[in-house]
């Protein structure tokens, strides 16, 4: 059994309802959700957007490989209305599902990088991670999530709902 940590994000439409649908599909198609963070709200990171972003972290047990997990969550994103425009960089979205961690593995392929390469730079990721797994050791930096949160230079405010 593999343990994966996912980040849910979105700022278009009824995001809490979309997250609820995503959790249902993840539980049905990916694996058991064993823990979930609170829901958080923050401004966009890396670009300007009128709508604030919602974020939540899920910890799941899955029999899928990391690549199969990525394929499945991309299908779920599309099913729930995600439209990607790779030419425009960061943009508003109905749903974004990111793999933050997969066991303690470090994976670098053309289309998959685990741990997520920017998680340590983003409060909207670190805050819900620290709620669920403050003592988890990042397999590249070899420090805990709470230490990463303490060290980040991100000044973006993250509000727990």
Protein backbone atom coordinates (compact mmCIF):
# COMPACT_ATOMS: atom_id res chain seq x y z
CA UNK A 1 0.00 0.00 0.00
CA UNK A 2 1.26 3.45 -0.89
CA UNK A 3 0.63 6.63 1.05
CA UNK A 4 0.12 9.76 -1.03
CA UNK A 5 -0.44 13.36 0.00
CA UNK A 6 -2.57 15.47 -2.33
CA UNK A 7 -3.29 19.18 -2.44
CA UNK A 8 -6.68 20.34 -3.69
CA UNK A 9 -6.92 23.91 -4.96
CA UNK A 10 -9.40 26.01 -6.88
CA UNK A 11 -10.98 29.42 -7.18
CA UNK A 12 -13.70 29.20 -9.84
CA UNK A 13 -17.30 28.15 -9.27
CA UNK A 14 -18.53 26.55 -6.07
CA UNK A 15 -15.12 25.31 -4.92
CA UNK A 16 -16.26 23.62 -1.67
CA UNK A 17 -18.81 21.61 -3.70
CA UNK A 18 -16.15 20.76 -6.29
CA UNK A 19 -13.82 19.61 -3.50
CA UNK A 20 -16.61 17.41 -2.14
CA UNK A 21 -17.09 15.82 -5.56
CA UNK A 22 -13.32 15.39 -5.96
CA UNK A 23 -13.05 13.66 -2.58
CA UNK A 24 -15.85 11.27 -3.56
CA UNK A 25 -14.13 10.41 -6.84
CA UNK A 26 -10.74 10.02 -5.14
CA UNK A 27 -12.26 7.65 -2.59
CA UNK A 28 -13.95 5.64 -5.37
CA UNK A 29 -11.15 5.58 -7.95
CA UNK A 30 -7.85 6.23 -6.17
CA UNK A 31 -7.90 4.99 -2.59
CA UNK A 32 -8.99 5.49 0.97
CA UNK A 33 -8.82 9.02 2.33
CA UNK A 34 -7.25 8.55 5.77
CA UNK A 35 -6.96 12.22 6.78
CA UNK A 36 -7.90 15.65 5.52
CA UNK A 37 -6.95 19.15 6.57
CA UNK A 38 -9.25 22.02 7.26
CA UNK A 39 -10.30 24.20 4.35
CA UNK A 40 -8.12 27.26 3.78
CA UNK A 41 -8.54 30.48 1.81
CA UNK A 42 -5.81 32.70 0.35
CA UNK A 43 -5.06 35.11 -2.46
CA UNK A 44 -3.64 33.74 -5.71
CA UNK A 45 0.06 32.81 -5.66
CA UNK A 46 2.24 33.75 -8.61
CA UNK A 47 -0.41 35.70 -10.53
CA UNK A 48 -3.29 38.15 -10.05
CA UNK A 49 -6.83 36.80 -9.68
CA UNK A 50 -10.05 38.38 -8.45
CA UNK A 51 -11.25 35.21 -6.74
CA UNK A 52 -9.44 33.84 -3.70
CA UNK A 53 -8.22 30.25 -3.72
CA UNK A 54 -9.46 27.45 -1.53
CA UNK A 55 -7.00 24.71 -0.54
CA UNK A 56 -7.11 21.43 1.36
CA UNK A 57 -4.67 18.55 1.87
CA UNK A 58 -5.69 14.88 1.74
CA UNK A 59 -3.69 11.87 2.84
CA UNK A 60 -4.67 8.71 0.98
CA UNK A 61 -3.75 5.05 0.92
CA UNK A 62 -3.61 3.72 -2.62
CA UNK A 63 -2.49 0.67 -4.53
CA UNK A 64 -1.74 2.87 -7.57
CA UNK A 65 1.79 3.71 -8.63
CA UNK A 66 2.76 7.37 -8.59
CA UNK A 67 2.37 7.64 -12.38
CA UNK A 68 -1.03 5.93 -12.33
CA UNK A 69 -2.08 8.21 -9.49
CA UNK A 70 -1.10 11.25 -11.56
CA UNK A 71 -3.07 9.93 -14.55
CA UNK A 72 -6.14 9.32 -12.40
CA UNK A 73 -6.14 12.73 -10.69
CA UNK A 74 -5.71 14.46 -14.07
CA UNK A 75 -8.81 12.57 -15.27
CA UNK A 76 -10.71 13.71 -12.17
CA UNK A 77 -9.68 17.33 -12.79
CA UNK A 78 -11.01 17.19 -16.36
CA UNK A 79 -14.20 15.42 -15.27
CA UNK A 80 -14.84 18.24 -12.78
CA UNK A 81 -14.33 21.00 -15.34
CA UNK A 82 -10.60 21.77 -15.34
CA UNK A 83 -9.39 23.35 -18.55
CA UNK A 84 -5.62 23.71 -18.91
CA UNK A 85 -3.99 26.33 -21.08
CA UNK A 86 -0.29 25.51 -20.86
CA UNK A 87 0.67 28.71 -22.72
CA UNK A 88 -0.64 31.05 -20.01
CA UNK A 89 1.22 29.92 -16.87
CA UNK A 90 -0.66 30.16 -13.58
CA UNK A 91 -4.37 30.83 -13.97
CA UNK A 92 -7.70 30.59 -12.19
CA UNK A 93 -9.21 27.09 -12.16
CA UNK A 94 -12.14 25.03 -10.95
CA UNK A 95 -9.87 22.33 -9.53
CA UNK A 96 -6.18 21.59 -9.26
CA UNK A 97 -4.97 18.30 -7.79
CA UNK A 98 -1.27 18.05 -6.99
CA UNK A 99 0.72 15.14 -5.60
CA UNK A 100 2.85 16.60 -2.81
CA UNK A 101 4.40 13.37 -1.51
CA UNK A 102 4.30 9.70 -2.45
CA UNK A 103 5.60 7.60 0.44
CA UNK A 104 9.10 8.97 1.08
CA UNK A 105 10.01 8.68 -2.60
CA UNK A 106 11.84 11.17 -4.77
CA UNK A 107 10.59 10.86 -8.36
CA UNK A 108 11.75 12.95 -11.31
CA UNK A 109 10.36 12.12 -14.72
CA UNK A 110 9.40 14.35 -17.60
CA UNK A 111 5.81 14.75 -16.37
CA UNK A 112 6.06 13.94 -12.64
CA UNK A 113 8.15 15.47 -9.87
CA UNK A 114 7.69 14.26 -6.30
CA UNK A 115 7.95 15.82 -3.80
CA UNK A 116 6.17 18.71 -5.45
CA UNK A 117 9.01 21.04 -6.46
CA UNK A 118 7.43 24.25 -5.14
CA UNK A 119 5.61 23.09 -2.00
CA UNK A 120 8.27 24.59 0.31
CA UNK A 121 7.72 28.04 -1.25
CA UNK A 122 3.97 28.26 -0.67
CA UNK A 123 2.12 28.96 2.56
CA UNK A 124 -1.15 27.76 1.00
CA UNK A 125 0.47 24.32 0.79
CA UNK A 126 2.60 24.36 3.95
CA UNK A 127 -0.15 25.54 6.33
CA UNK A 128 -2.59 22.65 5.66
CA UNK A 129 0.35 20.22 5.48
CA UNK A 130 1.55 21.41 8.89
CA UNK A 131 -1.95 20.87 10.30
CA UNK A 132 -1.92 17.19 9.27
CA UNK A 133 1.72 16.16 9.37
CA UNK A 134 3.94 18.76 11.05
CA UNK A 135 6.72 16.28 11.82
CA UNK A 136 6.86 14.62 8.39
CA UNK A 137 10.41 14.86 7.04
CA UNK A 138 10.69 16.22 3.50
CA UNK A 139 12.70 13.55 1.64
CA UNK A 140 14.84 16.09 -0.25
CA UNK A 141 15.41 18.83 2.34
CA UNK A 142 15.52 16.43 5.32
CA UNK A 143 13.61 18.80 7.59
CA UNK A 144 10.06 18.70 8.90
CA UNK A 145 7.03 20.41 7.41
CA UNK A 146 6.79 22.70 10.46
CA UNK A 147 10.43 23.71 9.92
CA UNK A 148 9.75 24.41 6.23
CA UNK A 149 6.78 26.56 7.22
CA UNK A 150 8.92 28.44 9.75
CA UNK A 151 11.64 29.04 7.13
CA UNK A 152 9.51 30.04 4.15
CA UNK A 153 9.76 33.56 2.78
CA UNK A 154 6.19 33.45 1.46
CA UNK A 155 4.21 36.30 3.03
CA UNK A 156 0.85 35.21 1.61
CA UNK A 157 -1.79 35.07 4.36
CA UNK A 158 -3.67 31.77 4.63
CA UNK A 159 -7.02 31.82 6.47
CA UNK A 160 -8.46 28.68 8.05
CA UNK A 161 -12.21 28.46 7.39
